[in-house]
Amino acid sequence: MSNSGTPIDDTVQLIEVMPYDFSDDLEPIVQDERRGTSLSRPTEPPDNENSNGFTGVSKKRAYLTLGILLFVNLLNYMDRYTVSGVLIKIKEYYHDLENSEAGLIQTAFICSYMVFSPVFGYLGDRYTRKYLMAGGILLWALFTLASSFVPADYYYGFVLLRAMVGIGEASYSTIAPTIIADLFAKDLRTQALMIFYFAIPVGSGLGYIVGSNVADLLGSWQWALRVTPGLGVLCVVLIIFVSVEPQRGMSEGHKVHLSNTSVKTDLKELATNKSFVLSTVGFTCVAFVTGALAFLAPTFMTYSTQFQGNPQSEAFISLIFGIITVAAGFLGVALGAQISQRWKRTNPRADPLTCALGLISCVPFLFFGLVLSRYNTLVTWILIFLGETMLCLNWAVTADILLYVVIPTRRSLAESGQILVSHAFGDAISPYIIGTISDALASKEVDPHRPAVQFPAMQTALYLTTFICVFGGAFYLATALFVEKDKKRAELATQGLDPNLADDSDDDAMLVPGGRTNCYLADEEVLNAAEASKERCEVPSPMPAVTNGSGDGFNVMRSVVV
């Protein structure tokens, strides 16, 4: 067929694609610097994913690696909230700390955690991830053990060592979700993330329970910090010798080659990803509320029972709160994953809407729990359980949103960015802010350390969390406006397609190798958009081509979805 023919009209015919020999397809990756993505020639249909959602890694190795990551995440959160379970003893040991000083312990940890997260995010996108995790976990175990030996006159030394623990945890939290994303695909990824994030409430609950009870059993709060380090060393061995390191992007089902771009380009692309930015702000509100409740709730409920004239020990309060946190976490994480998975069958925006539902539904339970805490402990525990359940709907779903709106070679950096922002403006500051408000209110009294003064002061300060929940729910609702398009853009970029096609058409577009460069196969809408913008693919085509009057050739195929 001649390349000089009639101009393109509104009629696009189906073209029978001639056989193509992929064995000679050795062209290098084509970089698209304008959009910060790397395009490569697609090859044969993928063989690294089966219909069940598994990648090329065997089911046994995939599940074994998931189990190891779950165990480490469990220890991660168990260690993080062990301090909360013995906080009153720590305040007494370090010469009657104020609430703001006690909150600084958690704030210091979170600050180092969030500062080093981008460092490990950068490394995680470029180097072997399991070795990075192993090194970080080893540091975490050593600093945790060392913090248990700080004398009473060196409060800031204890704060410094708790801050160093955050460095180790940053290495794990930024990298582990990306490994899961590369091991599992489709609905199995959501289920794997649900299992992984069970460790947050379960580990937190175990931190309260084990920490407080070990301290009572052995007569010293320091022993509470000596439980997890030995298990951390075991995790290092399991990660190095048992877990698998999957190829980045292998679960996407396409044999594409995405190369790393500069950090500046990566940050620019993430900053313009509306779904990523808005969901990160929403998750920051989740972190603010959970950080405040997780760190201060046992102390608050201890004061509550004393205020009502029915005092209970800190160990018993921590045990009850730990059990509630574990149960609410199991139910909330599982419920959130199931709601979003089923809702997505009829609504592709189900994920951010599920997150918004969780935050907004949490408000009445949290508010009335605080109101009734001065009258009835049992009703307060029930309302806290329901509120935490709603709050936990977000964990696995938010992680899933990030993983499908960001391309594989930017996921570790995206994880670290989300950790940085959510902790910087979330749980890094919420214990300190609420502690400061509480201290300011209590300082107006003659004896500010009395439970009768501490309880109402902390109760009033905690009302702030209800407003933050509403604020976060609004940002998740805003995420729902953009999530479909951003997901499509990430899919196109991963397949080696122009992500801007997601802005032009909702239909599928495909690439076929046609010579020295890649050429888009699209329907009329995409083709007309390309013609309008004067973008052409000059291809010595192995198949008949539809041409325009200027002789520019396009391989055109109708994309049919069955």
Protein backbone atom coordinates (compact mmCIF):
# COMPACT_ATOMS: atom_id res chain seq x y z
CA MET A 1 0.00 0.00 0.00
CA SER A 2 1.31 3.40 -0.85
CA ASN A 3 2.04 5.88 1.90
CA SER A 4 0.32 8.63 -0.02
CA GLY A 5 -3.39 8.18 0.22
CA THR A 6 -6.58 9.81 1.25
CA PRO A 7 -6.62 11.78 4.48
CA ILE A 8 -7.84 10.07 7.64
CA ASP A 9 -11.57 10.38 8.11
CA ASP A 10 -13.82 9.27 10.95
CA THR A 11 -13.68 5.65 9.81
CA VAL A 12 -11.09 3.39 11.40
CA GLN A 13 -10.88 -0.13 10.12
CA LEU A 14 -9.66 -3.20 11.92
CA ILE A 15 -6.28 -4.19 10.55
CA GLU A 16 -5.01 -7.75 10.60
CA VAL A 17 -1.62 -7.70 12.26
CA MET A 18 1.06 -9.56 10.34
CA PRO A 19 3.36 -11.97 12.23
CA TYR A 20 6.30 -10.33 13.93
CA ASP A 21 9.55 -11.93 14.98
CA PHE A 22 10.32 -10.90 18.56
CA SER A 23 13.73 -12.55 18.58
CA ASP A 24 15.30 -9.57 16.83
CA ASP A 25 13.64 -7.05 19.11
CA LEU A 26 16.79 -5.84 20.82
CA GLU A 27 16.24 -2.10 20.66
CA PRO A 28 17.29 -0.18 23.78
CA ILE A 29 14.90 1.48 26.20
CA VAL A 30 13.47 4.74 24.88
CA GLN A 31 13.55 7.45 27.52
CA ASP A 32 10.73 9.98 27.63
CA GLU A 33 12.40 12.80 29.55
CA ARG A 34 9.39 15.08 29.26
CA ARG A 35 7.29 12.85 31.46
CA GLY A 36 9.95 11.22 33.61
CA THR A 37 9.12 7.68 32.51
CA SER A 38 11.07 5.03 30.71
CA LEU A 39 9.44 3.39 27.73
CA SER A 40 10.47 0.04 26.38
CA ARG A 41 9.34 -2.15 23.58
CA PRO A 42 6.74 -4.66 24.74
CA THR A 43 7.43 -8.30 24.14
CA GLU A 44 5.46 -11.49 24.22
CA PRO A 45 2.49 -11.96 26.52
CA PRO A 46 3.57 -12.10 30.16
CA ASP A 47 4.42 -15.39 31.74
CA ASN A 48 5.27 -14.02 35.16
CA GLU A 49 1.71 -13.95 36.41
CA ASN A 50 -0.97 -16.60 36.48
CA SER A 51 -4.71 -16.22 36.69
CA ASN A 52 -4.65 -16.48 40.47
CA GLY A 53 -2.66 -13.28 40.88
CA PHE A 54 0.72 -14.82 41.70
CA THR A 55 3.94 -13.71 40.09
CA GLY A 56 6.79 -15.90 38.84
CA VAL A 57 7.80 -16.63 42.45
CA SER A 58 6.28 -19.86 43.76
CA LYS A 59 3.27 -19.68 46.06
CA LYS A 60 5.28 -21.22 48.88
CA ARG A 61 8.10 -18.66 48.67
CA ALA A 62 5.69 -15.78 48.24
CA TYR A 63 3.65 -16.71 51.30
CA LEU A 64 6.78 -17.51 53.30
CA THR A 65 8.20 -14.08 52.54
CA LEU A 66 4.86 -12.48 53.46
CA GLY A 67 4.91 -14.37 56.76
CA ILE A 68 8.41 -13.10 57.57
CA LEU A 69 7.44 -9.52 56.74
CA LEU A 70 4.32 -9.86 58.88
CA PHE A 71 6.41 -11.12 61.81
CA VAL A 72 8.84 -8.19 61.52
CA ASN A 73 5.98 -5.69 61.26
CA LEU A 74 4.46 -7.24 64.37
CA LEU A 75 7.69 -6.70 66.31
CA ASN A 76 7.97 -3.22 64.83
CA TYR A 77 4.70 -2.01 66.32
CA MET A 78 5.07 -4.09 69.46
CA ASP A 79 8.33 -2.29 70.24
CA ARG A 80 6.91 1.10 69.27
CA TYR A 81 4.07 0.92 71.83
CA THR A 82 5.81 -0.95 74.62
CA VAL A 83 6.75 2.46 76.02
CA SER A 84 3.06 3.46 76.12
CA GLY A 85 2.27 0.43 78.27
CA VAL A 86 4.74 1.54 80.95
CA LEU A 87 4.58 5.30 80.42
CA ILE A 88 3.53 6.19 83.97
CA LYS A 89 6.47 4.16 85.36
CA ILE A 90 8.83 5.93 82.93
CA LYS A 91 7.49 9.34 84.02
CA GLU A 92 8.12 8.45 87.66
CA TYR A 93 11.59 6.97 86.95
CA TYR A 94 12.78 10.12 85.18
CA HIS A 95 11.77 12.38 88.09
CA ASP A 96 8.04 12.98 87.43
CA LEU A 97 8.02 14.05 83.81
CA GLU A 98 5.34 16.40 82.53
CA ASN A 99 2.87 15.12 79.90
CA SER A 100 4.64 17.16 77.23
CA GLU A 101 8.02 15.62 78.21
CA ALA A 102 6.53 12.14 78.09
CA GLY A 103 5.08 12.91 74.67
CA LEU A 104 8.54 14.01 73.52
CA ILE A 105 9.76 10.38 73.80
CA GLN A 106 7.40 9.31 71.03
CA THR A 107 7.92 12.52 69.07
CA ALA A 108 11.71 12.01 68.97
CA PHE A 109 11.26 8.45 67.72
CA ILE A 110 8.81 9.49 65.00
CA CYS A 111 10.99 12.43 63.90
CA SER A 112 14.03 10.25 63.18
CA TYR A 113 11.76 7.63 61.63
CA MET A 114 10.29 10.11 59.17
CA VAL A 115 13.59 11.87 58.40
CA PHE A 116 15.37 8.65 57.44
CA SER A 117 12.41 7.17 55.56
CA PRO A 118 13.21 9.10 52.32
CA VAL A 119 16.82 7.91 52.55
CA PHE A 120 15.74 4.28 52.61
CA GLY A 121 13.06 5.04 50.03
CA TYR A 122 15.75 6.22 47.61
CA LEU A 123 17.95 3.21 48.36
CA GLY A 124 15.02 0.81 48.17
CA ASP A 125 14.27 1.79 44.59
CA ARG A 126 17.87 1.13 43.54
CA TYR A 127 19.50 -1.59 45.67
CA THR A 128 18.72 -5.03 47.07
CA ARG A 129 15.84 -4.44 49.42
CA LYS A 130 16.15 -7.38 51.79
CA TYR A 131 19.71 -6.47 52.75
CA LEU A 132 18.64 -2.89 53.48
CA MET A 133 15.85 -4.21 55.71
CA ALA A 134 18.16 -6.63 57.51
CA GLY A 135 20.68 -3.90 58.32
CA GLY A 136 17.98 -1.54 59.58
CA ILE A 137 16.35 -4.16 61.79
CA LEU A 138 19.70 -5.02 63.36
CA LEU A 139 20.22 -1.32 64.26
CA TRP A 140 16.69 -1.14 65.67
CA ALA A 141 17.32 -4.17 67.94
CA LEU A 142 20.63 -2.79 69.24
CA PHE A 143 19.28 0.70 70.02
CA THR A 144 16.15 -0.71 71.70
CA LEU A 145 18.27 -2.86 73.99
CA ALA A 146 20.64 0.02 74.77
CA SER A 147 17.76 2.35 75.73
CA SER A 148 16.80 0.02 78.59
CA PHE A 149 20.09 0.76 80.40
CA VAL A 150 19.88 4.58 80.55
CA PRO A 151 20.14 5.90 84.17
CA ALA A 152 17.42 8.05 85.75
CA ASP A 153 19.47 11.25 85.51
CA TYR A 154 19.87 10.96 81.75
CA TYR A 155 16.35 11.45 80.44
CA TYR A 156 17.55 13.04 77.19
CA GLY A 157 19.89 10.10 76.62
CA PHE A 158 16.83 7.85 76.72
CA VAL A 159 15.06 10.17 74.27
CA LEU A 160 18.08 10.09 71.93
CA LEU A 161 18.25 6.28 71.87
CA ARG A 162 14.52 6.03 71.22
CA ALA A 163 15.08 8.40 68.32
CA MET A 164 17.80 6.10 66.96
CA VAL A 165 15.34 3.20 67.03
CA GLY A 166 13.38 5.13 64.41
CA ILE A 167 16.27 4.83 61.94
CA GLY A 168 16.04 1.06 61.97
CA GLU A 169 12.28 1.02 61.64
CA ALA A 170 12.43 3.45 58.69
CA SER A 171 14.40 0.91 56.67
CA TYR A 172 11.68 -1.68 57.04
CA SER A 173 8.47 0.31 56.79
CA THR A 174 9.37 1.99 53.50
CA ILE A 175 10.53 -1.16 51.72
CA ALA A 176 8.35 -4.07 52.89
CA PRO A 177 5.10 -2.94 51.15
CA THR A 178 6.91 -2.66 47.80
CA ILE A 179 8.13 -6.25 48.09
CA ILE A 180 4.58 -7.39 48.73
CA ALA A 181 3.43 -5.39 45.70
CA ASP A 182 5.97 -7.24 43.54
CA LEU A 183 5.03 -10.67 44.93
CA PHE A 184 1.26 -10.47 44.55
CA ALA A 185 -1.12 -9.07 41.96
CA LYS A 186 -4.81 -8.33 41.53
CA ASP A 187 -7.04 -9.18 44.50
CA LEU A 188 -4.27 -11.21 46.12
CA ARG A 189 -2.28 -8.01 46.60
CA THR A 190 -5.13 -6.44 48.57
CA GLN A 191 -5.44 -9.59 50.69
CA ALA A 192 -1.67 -9.76 51.26
CA LEU A 193 -1.62 -6.12 52.35
CA MET A 194 -4.55 -6.81 54.64
CA ILE A 195 -2.57 -9.62 56.31
CA PHE A 196 0.55 -7.45 56.50
CA TYR A 197 -1.28 -4.55 58.13
CA PHE A 198 -2.92 -6.79 60.71
CA ALA A 199 0.44 -6.35 62.45
CA ILE A 200 -0.26 -2.69 63.22
CA PRO A 201 -3.13 -3.15 65.69
CA VAL A 202 -1.98 -6.60 66.83
CA GLY A 203 1.60 -5.47 67.41
CA SER A 204 0.43 -2.29 69.13
CA GLY A 205 -1.87 -4.29 71.40
CA LEU A 206 0.89 -6.76 72.23
CA GLY A 207 3.15 -3.82 73.04
CA TYR A 208 0.74 -2.64 75.73
CA ILE A 209 0.09 -6.14 77.05
CA VAL A 210 3.61 -7.58 77.02
CA GLY A 211 5.29 -4.35 78.07
CA SER A 212 3.14 -3.67 81.13
CA ASN A 213 2.94 -7.29 82.28
CA VAL A 214 6.63 -8.07 81.80
CA ALA A 215 7.42 -4.92 83.79
CA ASP A 216 5.15 -6.04 86.65
CA LEU A 217 6.41 -9.63 86.55
CA LEU A 218 10.10 -8.71 86.70
CA GLY A 219 9.67 -5.58 88.83
CA SER A 220 11.24 -3.12 86.38
CA TRP A 221 9.91 -1.29 83.32
CA GLN A 222 13.30 -1.68 81.61
CA TRP A 223 12.64 -5.39 81.01
CA ALA A 224 9.72 -4.44 78.78
CA LEU A 225 12.25 -3.08 76.27
CA ARG A 226 14.37 -6.24 76.36
CA VAL A 227 11.77 -8.57 74.86
CA THR A 228 11.89 -7.60 71.18
CA PRO A 229 15.66 -7.19 70.44
CA GLY A 230 16.38 -10.95 70.46
CA LEU A 231 13.42 -11.59 68.16
CA GLY A 232 14.70 -8.80 65.92
CA VAL A 233 18.00 -10.62 65.41
CA LEU A 234 16.03 -13.74 64.43
CA CYS A 235 14.18 -11.65 61.84
CA VAL A 236 17.49 -10.51 60.35
CA VAL A 237 18.49 -14.14 59.78
CA LEU A 238 15.12 -15.02 58.23
CA ILE A 239 15.18 -12.04 55.87
CA ILE A 240 18.69 -12.74 54.60
CA PHE A 241 18.47 -16.51 54.19
CA VAL A 242 14.78 -17.33 53.70
CA SER A 243 12.89 -14.41 52.14
CA VAL A 244 12.91 -13.77 48.39
CA GLU A 245 13.83 -10.57 46.55
CA PRO A 246 11.34 -10.19 43.65
CA GLN A 247 12.07 -8.22 40.52
CA ARG A 248 10.59 -4.73 40.67
CA GLY A 249 7.31 -4.51 38.78
CA MET A 250 7.09 -8.24 38.07
CA SER A 251 3.53 -8.46 39.39
CA GLU A 252 2.25 -5.98 36.83
CA GLY A 253 1.98 -8.72 34.23
CA HIS A 254 4.02 -6.93 31.54
CA LYS A 255 7.61 -7.52 30.48
CA VAL A 256 8.55 -3.87 30.45
CA HIS A 257 11.79 -2.28 31.52
CA LEU A 258 11.33 0.79 33.69
CA SER A 259 14.64 2.40 34.50
CA ASN A 260 15.21 4.76 37.43
CA THR A 261 14.97 8.47 36.77
CA SER A 262 16.54 11.26 38.81
CA VAL A 263 15.29 12.03 42.30
CA LYS A 264 14.18 15.46 41.09
CA THR A 265 12.07 13.88 38.36
CA ASP A 266 10.63 11.31 40.77
CA LEU A 267 9.66 13.98 43.30
CA LYS A 268 8.11 16.14 40.61
CA GLU A 269 5.99 13.26 39.34
CA LEU A 270 4.87 12.31 42.85
CA ALA A 271 4.02 15.92 43.70
CA THR A 272 1.75 16.15 40.65
CA ASN A 273 0.05 12.82 41.38
CA LYS A 274 -3.22 14.10 42.87
CA SER A 275 -4.37 10.77 44.29
CA PHE A 276 -1.03 10.23 46.01
CA VAL A 277 -0.93 13.74 47.50
CA LEU A 278 -4.55 13.83 48.70
CA SER A 279 -4.51 10.31 50.15
CA THR A 280 -1.26 11.16 51.94
CA VAL A 281 -2.93 14.15 53.62
CA GLY A 282 -5.88 11.95 54.56
CA PHE A 283 -3.56 9.33 55.99
CA THR A 284 -1.72 12.04 57.93
CA CYS A 285 -4.97 12.70 59.77
CA VAL A 286 -5.27 8.97 60.52
CA ALA A 287 -1.71 8.99 61.89
CA PHE A 288 -2.45 12.07 64.04
CA VAL A 289 -5.45 10.44 65.70
CA THR A 290 -3.97 6.95 66.09
CA GLY A 291 -0.71 8.40 67.42
CA ALA A 292 -2.50 10.42 70.07
CA LEU A 293 -4.79 7.57 71.14
CA ALA A 294 -2.14 4.86 71.05
CA PHE A 295 0.34 6.80 73.16
CA LEU A 296 -1.99 8.55 75.60
CA ALA A 297 -5.12 6.37 75.89
CA PRO A 298 -3.77 3.96 78.59
CA THR A 299 -2.67 6.91 80.73
CA PHE A 300 -5.97 8.71 80.09
CA MET A 301 -8.06 5.68 81.08
CA THR A 302 -5.95 5.19 84.22
CA TYR A 303 -6.75 8.77 85.21
CA SER A 304 -10.41 8.15 84.27
CA THR A 305 -10.79 5.23 86.69
CA GLN A 306 -9.10 7.26 89.43
CA PHE A 307 -11.39 10.22 88.73
CA GLN A 308 -14.46 7.96 89.08
CA GLY A 309 -13.21 6.64 92.42
CA ASN A 310 -12.56 3.13 91.11
CA PRO A 311 -8.80 3.17 90.44
CA GLN A 312 -7.25 0.34 88.42
CA SER A 313 -3.59 -0.44 87.82
CA GLU A 314 -1.73 0.71 84.73
CA ALA A 315 -0.96 -2.92 83.86
CA PHE A 316 -4.66 -3.85 83.90
CA ILE A 317 -5.63 -0.78 81.85
CA SER A 318 -2.89 -1.57 79.32
CA LEU A 319 -4.09 -5.17 79.11
CA ILE A 320 -7.68 -4.10 78.36
CA PHE A 321 -6.60 -1.46 75.87
CA GLY A 322 -4.24 -3.92 74.20
CA ILE A 323 -7.01 -6.53 73.78
CA ILE A 324 -9.36 -3.87 72.38
CA THR A 325 -6.69 -2.65 69.96
CA VAL A 326 -5.97 -6.18 68.70
CA ALA A 327 -9.66 -7.02 68.23
CA ALA A 328 -10.51 -3.68 66.61
CA GLY A 329 -7.49 -3.96 64.35
CA PHE A 330 -8.35 -7.44 63.13
CA LEU A 331 -11.94 -6.47 62.45
CA GLY A 332 -11.19 -3.03 61.02
CA VAL A 333 -8.38 -4.02 58.64
CA ALA A 334 -10.28 -7.07 57.38
CA LEU A 335 -13.53 -5.13 57.06
CA GLY A 336 -11.85 -2.28 55.18
CA ALA A 337 -10.19 -4.64 52.70
CA GLN A 338 -13.39 -6.60 52.10
CA ILE A 339 -15.60 -3.51 51.73
CA SER A 340 -13.26 -1.93 49.20
CA GLN A 341 -12.75 -5.17 47.28
CA ARG A 342 -16.48 -5.83 46.92
CA TRP A 343 -17.39 -2.19 46.36
CA LYS A 344 -14.87 -1.93 43.52
CA ARG A 345 -16.96 -4.36 41.49
CA THR A 346 -19.52 -1.58 41.03
CA ASN A 347 -17.52 1.55 41.85
CA PRO A 348 -13.86 1.98 40.80
CA ARG A 349 -13.49 4.77 43.37
CA ALA A 350 -14.30 2.43 46.25
CA ASP A 351 -10.87 2.55 47.91
CA PRO A 352 -10.75 6.26 48.86
CA LEU A 353 -14.48 6.21 49.63
CA THR A 354 -13.92 3.33 52.07
CA CYS A 355 -11.17 5.34 53.78
CA ALA A 356 -13.45 8.39 54.03
CA LEU A 357 -16.21 6.21 55.47
CA GLY A 358 -13.87 4.89 58.15
CA LEU A 359 -12.65 8.30 59.31
CA ILE A 360 -16.03 10.02 59.33
CA SER A 361 -17.72 7.05 61.05
CA CYS A 362 -15.06 7.16 63.77
CA VAL A 363 -16.10 10.66 64.91
CA PRO A 364 -19.30 9.93 66.91
CA PHE A 365 -17.76 6.92 68.69
CA LEU A 366 -14.66 8.86 69.65
CA PHE A 367 -16.59 11.95 70.74
CA PHE A 368 -19.10 10.16 72.96
CA GLY A 369 -16.36 7.90 74.31
CA LEU A 370 -14.58 10.98 75.62
CA VAL A 371 -17.79 12.48 76.99
CA LEU A 372 -18.78 9.33 78.89
CA SER A 373 -15.27 8.54 80.16
CA ARG A 374 -15.99 10.48 83.37
CA TYR A 375 -19.10 8.42 84.11
CA ASN A 376 -18.82 4.83 82.87
CA THR A 377 -15.64 2.91 82.09
CA LEU A 378 -17.33 -0.05 80.39
CA VAL A 379 -19.29 2.09 77.92
CA THR A 380 -16.11 4.06 77.21
CA TRP A 381 -14.22 0.86 76.36
CA ILE A 382 -17.01 -0.21 73.97
CA LEU A 383 -17.01 3.15 72.19
CA ILE A 384 -13.21 3.12 71.94
CA PHE A 385 -13.42 -0.35 70.35
CA LEU A 386 -15.96 0.82 67.75
CA GLY A 387 -14.00 3.99 67.03
CA GLU A 388 -10.72 2.11 66.57
CA THR A 389 -12.46 -0.38 64.28
CA MET A 390 -13.62 2.42 61.98
CA LEU A 391 -10.18 4.03 62.12
CA CYS A 392 -8.51 0.78 61.06
CA LEU A 393 -10.52 0.54 57.83
CA ASN A 394 -7.86 2.75 56.23
CA TRP A 395 -4.57 0.94 56.73
CA ALA A 396 -4.46 -1.70 53.99
CA VAL A 397 -6.63 0.30 51.58
CA THR A 398 -4.45 3.42 51.71
CA ALA A 399 -1.37 1.30 51.00
CA ASP A 400 -3.12 -0.29 48.03
CA ILE A 401 -4.01 3.13 46.60
CA LEU A 402 -0.36 4.20 46.71
CA LEU A 403 0.85 1.02 45.04
CA TYR A 404 -1.46 1.26 42.04
CA VAL A 405 -1.21 5.00 41.35
CA VAL A 406 2.62 5.00 41.45
CA ILE A 407 4.88 3.13 39.00
CA PRO A 408 7.11 0.34 40.45
CA THR A 409 10.39 2.25 40.26
CA ARG A 410 9.02 5.06 42.45
CA ARG A 411 7.10 3.06 45.04
CA SER A 412 9.75 2.99 47.77
CA LEU A 413 10.25 6.73 47.43
CA ALA A 414 6.47 7.24 47.48
CA GLU A 415 6.18 5.06 50.60
CA SER A 416 8.92 7.06 52.30
CA GLY A 417 7.34 10.35 51.26
CA GLN A 418 4.01 9.29 52.69
CA ILE A 419 5.71 8.17 55.91
CA LEU A 420 7.60 11.48 56.14
CA VAL A 421 4.50 13.66 55.73
CA SER A 422 2.08 11.52 57.73
CA HIS A 423 4.43 11.27 60.69
CA ALA A 424 5.77 14.83 60.52
CA PHE A 425 2.27 16.25 60.77
CA GLY A 426 0.62 13.21 62.37
CA ASP A 427 1.80 11.01 65.21
CA ALA A 428 5.13 12.83 65.61
CA ILE A 429 3.36 15.91 66.90
CA SER A 430 -0.03 14.70 68.16
CA PRO A 431 1.17 13.29 71.55
CA TYR A 432 3.20 16.43 72.16
CA ILE A 433 0.41 18.81 71.08
CA ILE A 434 -2.22 17.08 73.18
CA GLY A 435 0.19 16.78 76.10
CA THR A 436 0.99 20.50 75.87
CA ILE A 437 -2.70 21.46 75.77
CA SER A 438 -3.34 19.19 78.74
CA ASP A 439 -0.45 20.68 80.72
CA ALA A 440 -1.64 24.22 79.98
CA LEU A 441 -5.11 23.42 81.29
CA ALA A 442 -3.79 21.56 84.34
CA SER A 443 -1.31 24.31 85.25
CA LYS A 444 -4.18 26.57 86.28
CA GLU A 445 -4.80 24.35 89.30
CA VAL A 446 -2.93 24.35 92.61
CA ASP A 447 -1.80 20.72 92.32
CA PRO A 448 -1.67 19.92 88.58
CA HIS A 449 -0.48 16.31 89.11
CA ARG A 450 -3.64 15.11 90.88
CA PRO A 451 -5.78 12.65 88.82
CA ALA A 452 -8.78 14.93 89.45
CA VAL A 453 -6.90 17.62 87.49
CA GLN A 454 -5.07 15.47 84.95
CA PHE A 455 -8.18 13.64 83.74
CA PRO A 456 -10.38 16.60 82.69
CA ALA A 457 -7.37 18.41 81.22
CA MET A 458 -6.43 15.44 79.01
CA GLN A 459 -10.09 14.78 78.16
CA THR A 460 -10.49 18.31 76.80
CA ALA A 461 -7.24 18.08 74.84
CA LEU A 462 -8.27 14.80 73.19
CA TYR A 463 -11.40 16.37 71.68
CA LEU A 464 -9.04 17.76 69.02
CA THR A 465 -8.82 14.31 67.46
CA THR A 466 -12.51 14.34 66.43
CA PHE A 467 -11.99 17.44 64.27
CA ILE A 468 -8.92 15.88 62.66
CA CYS A 469 -11.00 12.83 61.68
CA VAL A 470 -13.48 15.00 59.78
CA PHE A 471 -10.65 16.86 58.07
CA GLY A 472 -9.04 13.59 56.93
CA GLY A 473 -12.33 12.20 55.64
CA ALA A 474 -12.71 15.25 53.39
CA PHE A 475 -9.31 14.62 51.79
CA TYR A 476 -10.14 10.99 51.07
CA LEU A 477 -13.35 12.14 49.39
CA ALA A 478 -11.24 14.47 47.25
CA THR A 479 -8.95 11.54 46.37
CA ALA A 480 -11.95 9.72 44.89
CA LEU A 481 -12.21 12.42 42.20
CA PHE A 482 -8.81 11.55 40.70
CA VAL A 483 -8.02 7.95 41.60
CA GLU A 484 -9.31 6.34 38.38
CA LYS A 485 -7.27 8.55 36.07
CA ASP A 486 -4.10 8.32 38.19
CA LYS A 487 -4.35 4.53 38.30
CA LYS A 488 -4.69 4.43 34.51
CA ARG A 489 -1.67 6.72 34.08
CA ALA A 490 0.46 4.42 36.23
CA GLU A 491 -0.67 1.36 34.27
CA LEU A 492 0.13 3.01 30.93
CA ALA A 493 3.58 4.14 32.08
CA THR A 494 4.37 0.66 33.44
CA GLN A 495 3.44 -0.90 30.09
CA GLY A 496 5.65 1.53 28.19
CA LEU A 497 2.77 3.71 26.99
CA ASP A 498 2.37 7.45 27.17
CA PRO A 499 0.62 8.09 30.53
CA ASN A 500 -1.03 11.19 29.07
CA LEU A 501 -3.29 8.90 27.06
CA ALA A 502 -5.24 8.50 30.29
CA ASP A 503 -6.16 12.17 29.97
CA ASP A 504 -7.40 11.77 26.40
CA SER A 505 -9.35 8.56 26.46
CA ASP A 506 -10.80 5.99 28.78
CA ASP A 507 -10.31 3.25 26.19
CA ASP A 508 -7.38 0.91 26.07
CA ALA A 509 -4.35 1.71 23.94
CA MET A 510 -1.61 -0.66 22.92
CA LEU A 511 1.89 -0.63 21.53
CA VAL A 512 3.21 -2.83 18.77
CA PRO A 513 6.81 -3.04 17.63
CA GLY A 514 6.93 -1.54 14.18
CA GLY A 515 10.56 -0.71 13.57
CA ARG A 516 13.03 1.60 15.22
CA THR A 517 10.52 3.32 17.50
CA ASN A 518 7.35 2.47 19.34
CA CYS A 519 4.00 3.46 17.90
CA TYR A 520 0.65 3.69 19.64
CA LEU A 521 -2.25 1.57 18.51
CA ALA A 522 -5.38 3.42 19.48
CA ASP A 523 -9.00 4.05 18.64
CA GLU A 524 -10.39 7.09 16.82
CA GLU A 525 -10.33 9.36 19.85
CA VAL A 526 -6.66 8.73 20.65
CA LEU A 527 -5.70 8.95 16.99
CA ASN A 528 -7.50 12.24 16.52
CA ALA A 529 -5.88 13.61 19.69
CA ALA A 530 -2.46 12.68 18.32
CA GLU A 531 -3.29 14.28 14.97
CA ALA A 532 -4.44 17.47 16.65
CA SER A 533 -1.21 17.77 18.64
CA LYS A 534 0.91 16.93 15.57
CA GLU A 535 2.48 13.91 17.29
CA ARG A 536 3.39 11.25 14.76
CA CYS A 537 5.11 7.88 14.78
CA GLU A 538 7.30 7.39 11.75
CA VAL A 539 7.26 3.63 11.41
CA PRO A 540 8.43 1.42 8.54
CA SER A 541 5.41 -0.72 9.28
CA PRO A 542 5.31 -4.52 8.81
CA MET A 543 1.56 -4.21 8.35
CA PRO A 544 -0.82 -2.07 6.28
CA ALA A 545 -1.03 1.45 7.65
CA VAL A 546 -3.71 4.08 7.75
CA THR A 547 -2.20 7.29 6.43
CA ASN A 548 -3.04 10.94 6.28
CA GLY A 549 -2.40 13.26 3.41
CA SER A 550 1.11 14.11 4.52
CA GLY A 551 2.25 10.51 4.36
CA ASP A 552 2.62 9.99 8.12
CA GLY A 553 1.82 6.37 8.86
CA PHE A 554 -0.09 5.00 11.87
CA ASN A 555 -0.71 1.41 12.83
CA VAL A 556 -4.27 1.48 14.07
CA MET A 557 -6.20 -1.19 15.90
CA ARG A 558 -9.53 -1.04 17.63
CA SER A 559 -9.12 -2.01 21.28
CA VAL A 560 -11.88 -4.45 22.13
CA VAL A 561 -12.75 -5.29 25.73
CA VAL A 562 -14.72 -8.51 26.19
